[in-house]
N, C-alpha and C. Protein backbone atom coordinates (compact mmCIF):
# COMPACT_ATOMS: atom_id res chain seq x y z
N UNK A 1 19.81 -16.51 16.87
CA UNK A 1 18.56 -17.05 17.49
C UNK A 1 17.81 -15.63 17.90
N UNK A 2 16.16 -15.82 17.99
CA UNK A 2 15.23 -14.62 17.77
C UNK A 2 15.39 -14.79 19.50
N UNK A 3 15.64 -13.58 20.27
CA UNK A 3 15.05 -13.22 21.57
C UNK A 3 14.15 -12.00 21.65
N UNK A 4 12.69 -12.31 22.08
CA UNK A 4 11.54 -11.49 21.92
C UNK A 4 12.16 -10.31 23.25
N UNK A 5 10.87 -9.42 23.15
CA UNK A 5 11.35 -8.38 24.59
C UNK A 5 10.34 -8.78 25.20
N UNK A 6 10.57 -8.07 26.15
CA UNK A 6 9.86 -8.06 27.35
C UNK A 6 8.49 -7.05 27.64
N UNK A 7 8.61 -6.01 26.80
CA UNK A 7 7.75 -4.82 26.39
C UNK A 7 6.18 -5.39 26.10
N UNK A 8 5.29 -4.41 25.82
CA UNK A 8 4.21 -4.27 25.43
C UNK A 8 4.19 -3.51 24.17
N UNK A 9 3.78 -3.66 22.91
CA UNK A 9 3.51 -2.92 21.79
C UNK A 9 2.22 -2.14 22.31
N UNK A 10 2.37 -1.36 21.30
CA UNK A 10 1.10 -0.42 21.03
C UNK A 10 0.82 -0.54 20.07
N UNK A 11 -0.48 0.33 19.72
CA UNK A 11 -0.74 0.48 17.84
C UNK A 11 0.09 1.55 17.76
N UNK A 12 0.69 1.00 16.29
CA UNK A 12 1.57 2.02 15.65
C UNK A 12 3.19 1.53 15.74
N UNK A 13 3.49 0.43 16.86
CA UNK A 13 4.38 0.25 16.84
C UNK A 13 4.92 -0.65 15.91
N UNK A 14 6.26 -0.83 15.24
CA UNK A 14 6.71 -1.88 14.34
C UNK A 14 7.61 -2.71 15.21
N UNK A 15 7.18 -3.99 14.75
CA UNK A 15 7.40 -5.25 15.83
C UNK A 15 8.11 -6.36 15.20
N UNK A 16 8.86 -7.17 15.18
CA UNK A 16 9.44 -8.57 14.50
C UNK A 16 9.27 -9.74 15.22
N UNK A 17 9.02 -10.47 14.36
CA UNK A 17 8.69 -11.72 14.94
C UNK A 17 9.31 -13.06 13.98
N UNK A 18 9.19 -14.26 15.14
CA UNK A 18 9.31 -15.39 13.98
C UNK A 18 8.86 -16.38 14.06
N UNK A 19 8.74 -17.38 12.99
CA UNK A 19 7.11 -18.29 12.78
C UNK A 19 7.62 -19.15 11.67
N UNK A 20 7.56 -20.25 11.97
CA UNK A 20 8.96 -21.27 11.28
C UNK A 20 9.55 -21.22 10.54
N UNK A 21 10.57 -20.79 11.42
CA UNK A 21 12.16 -20.13 10.73
C UNK A 21 11.91 -18.95 9.68
N UNK A 22 10.80 -18.13 9.95
CA UNK A 22 11.24 -16.97 9.07
C UNK A 22 10.44 -15.67 9.69
N UNK A 23 11.69 -14.75 9.57
CA UNK A 23 11.17 -13.65 10.08
C UNK A 23 10.51 -12.55 9.33
N UNK A 24 9.35 -12.26 10.56
CA UNK A 24 8.37 -11.17 9.94
C UNK A 24 8.31 -10.12 10.80
N UNK A 25 7.98 -8.86 10.25
CA UNK A 25 7.97 -7.31 10.31
C UNK A 25 6.61 -6.94 9.95
N UNK A 26 6.19 -6.27 11.20
CA UNK A 26 4.74 -5.87 10.72
C UNK A 26 4.18 -4.50 11.55
N UNK A 27 3.55 -3.90 11.26
CA UNK A 27 2.84 -2.93 12.24
C UNK A 27 1.70 -3.23 13.01
N UNK A 28 2.01 -3.11 14.02
CA UNK A 28 0.51 -3.12 15.00
C UNK A 28 -0.41 -2.11 15.37
N UNK A 29 -1.74 -2.74 14.90
CA UNK A 29 -3.01 -2.20 14.80
C UNK A 29 -3.81 -2.36 15.93
N UNK A 30 -4.77 -1.22 16.36
CA UNK A 30 -5.06 -1.47 17.51
C UNK A 30 -6.40 -2.51 17.54
N UNK A 31 -6.57 -3.04 18.39
CA UNK A 31 -7.28 -4.35 18.84
C UNK A 31 -7.70 -4.29 20.18
N UNK A 32 -8.78 -5.12 20.71
CA UNK A 32 -8.71 -5.45 22.13
C UNK A 32 -8.35 -6.38 22.52
N UNK A 33 -7.53 -6.97 21.91
CA UNK A 33 -6.41 -7.89 22.59
C UNK A 33 -6.02 -7.66 24.04
N UNK A 34 -5.74 -8.74 24.80
CA UNK A 34 -5.18 -8.40 25.75
C UNK A 34 -3.61 -9.02 26.34
N UNK A 35 -3.85 -10.31 25.21
CA UNK A 35 -2.74 -10.96 25.76
C UNK A 35 -1.55 -11.23 24.24
N UNK A 36 -2.20 -10.16 23.38
CA UNK A 36 -1.67 -10.48 22.07
C UNK A 36 -1.87 -9.44 21.26
N UNK A 37 -1.09 -8.75 20.40
CA UNK A 37 -0.86 -7.83 19.17
C UNK A 37 -1.91 -8.19 18.00
N UNK A 38 -2.49 -7.26 16.97
CA UNK A 38 -2.66 -7.92 16.04
C UNK A 38 -1.40 -7.11 14.90
N UNK A 39 -0.83 -7.70 14.26
CA UNK A 39 0.09 -7.15 13.02
C UNK A 39 0.09 -7.19 11.81
N UNK A 40 -0.18 -6.04 11.22
CA UNK A 40 -0.93 -5.87 9.80
C UNK A 40 1.20 -6.12 9.00
N UNK A 41 1.12 -6.72 8.13
CA UNK A 41 2.55 -7.73 7.66
C UNK A 41 2.66 -6.76 6.40
N UNK A 42 1.77 -5.89 5.49
CA UNK A 42 1.78 -5.41 4.39
C UNK A 42 3.08 -4.60 4.08
N UNK A 43 3.93 -3.87 5.60
CA UNK A 43 5.14 -3.29 5.39
C UNK A 43 6.31 -3.99 5.02
N UNK A 44 5.96 -5.29 4.89
CA UNK A 44 7.14 -6.11 4.54
C UNK A 44 7.47 -6.31 3.18
N UNK A 45 8.19 -5.96 2.22
CA UNK A 45 8.76 -5.62 0.57
C UNK A 45 8.54 -7.30 0.07
N UNK A 46 8.79 -8.06 1.36
CA UNK A 46 9.17 -9.50 0.37
C UNK A 46 7.80 -10.70 1.03
N UNK A 47 6.61 -9.98 0.98
CA UNK A 47 5.55 -10.60 2.09
C UNK A 47 5.20 -11.72 0.93
N UNK A 48 5.19 -11.17 -0.33
CA UNK A 48 4.86 -11.82 -1.87
C UNK A 48 5.45 -13.42 -1.95
N UNK A 49 6.63 -13.09 -1.50
CA UNK A 49 7.65 -14.62 -1.89
C UNK A 49 7.46 -15.10 -0.58
N UNK A 50 6.86 -14.86 0.75
CA UNK A 50 6.82 -15.79 1.98
C UNK A 50 5.39 -16.38 1.44
N UNK A 51 5.41 -17.57 1.56
CA UNK A 51 4.39 -18.62 1.53
C UNK A 51 3.52 -18.51 3.15
N UNK A 52 2.87 -17.25 2.70
CA UNK A 52 1.72 -17.01 4.16
C UNK A 52 0.79 -16.55 3.39
N UNK A 53 -0.65 -17.16 4.38
CA UNK A 53 -1.87 -16.98 3.58
C UNK A 53 -2.53 -15.31 3.67
N UNK A 54 -2.29 -14.84 4.76
CA UNK A 54 -3.12 -13.77 5.21
C UNK A 54 -1.67 -12.36 5.46
N UNK A 55 -2.35 -11.20 5.18
CA UNK A 55 -1.60 -10.05 5.44
C UNK A 55 -1.65 -9.69 6.78
N UNK A 56 -2.08 -10.13 8.04
CA UNK A 56 -2.41 -9.57 9.28
C UNK A 56 -2.20 -11.26 10.21
N UNK A 57 -1.75 -10.82 11.44
CA UNK A 57 -1.82 -11.95 11.90
C UNK A 57 -1.75 -11.82 13.69
N UNK A 58 -2.30 -12.82 14.41
CA UNK A 58 -1.90 -12.64 16.30
C UNK A 58 -0.67 -12.75 16.65
N UNK A 59 -0.07 -12.27 17.19
CA UNK A 59 1.06 -12.36 17.86
C UNK A 59 1.21 -12.11 19.38
N UNK A 60 1.57 -13.21 20.40
CA UNK A 60 1.27 -13.24 21.85
C UNK A 60 2.53 -12.19 21.94
N UNK A 61 2.09 -11.26 22.80
CA UNK A 61 3.40 -10.66 23.85
C UNK A 61 4.67 -11.18 23.74
N UNK A 62 4.62 -12.35 24.24
CA UNK A 62 6.14 -12.94 24.50
C UNK A 62 6.91 -13.33 23.25
N UNK A 63 6.12 -13.31 22.13
CA UNK A 63 6.53 -13.74 20.78
C UNK A 63 7.71 -12.85 20.16
N UNK A 64 7.50 -11.48 20.10
CA UNK A 64 7.61 -10.61 19.53
C UNK A 64 8.85 -9.35 20.07
N UNK A 65 9.42 -8.93 19.11
CA UNK A 65 10.79 -7.60 20.05
C UNK A 65 10.00 -6.27 18.88
N UNK A 66 9.89 -5.39 19.67
CA UNK A 66 9.61 -3.89 19.20
C UNK A 66 11.08 -3.39 18.75
N UNK A 67 10.52 -2.69 17.42
CA UNK A 67 11.62 -2.26 16.67
C UNK A 67 11.72 -0.70 16.69
N UNK A 68 10.30 -0.13 16.59
CA UNK A 68 10.10 1.21 16.57
C UNK A 68 8.71 1.36 17.03
């Protein structure tokens, strides 16, 4: 089971999150969001294999874990 962090990510951090039982990893990009981050998913090698329409997504702070 996925356990999110309590930390808040900054632009440039790599985060991991789960959506529809699929694990995603991406790089946080600069935004004006206060309760969430925008994540660029293009760093994922298997993004084309996952049926996900966009290469960026918004993730609430309580739904991700910081990897680096």
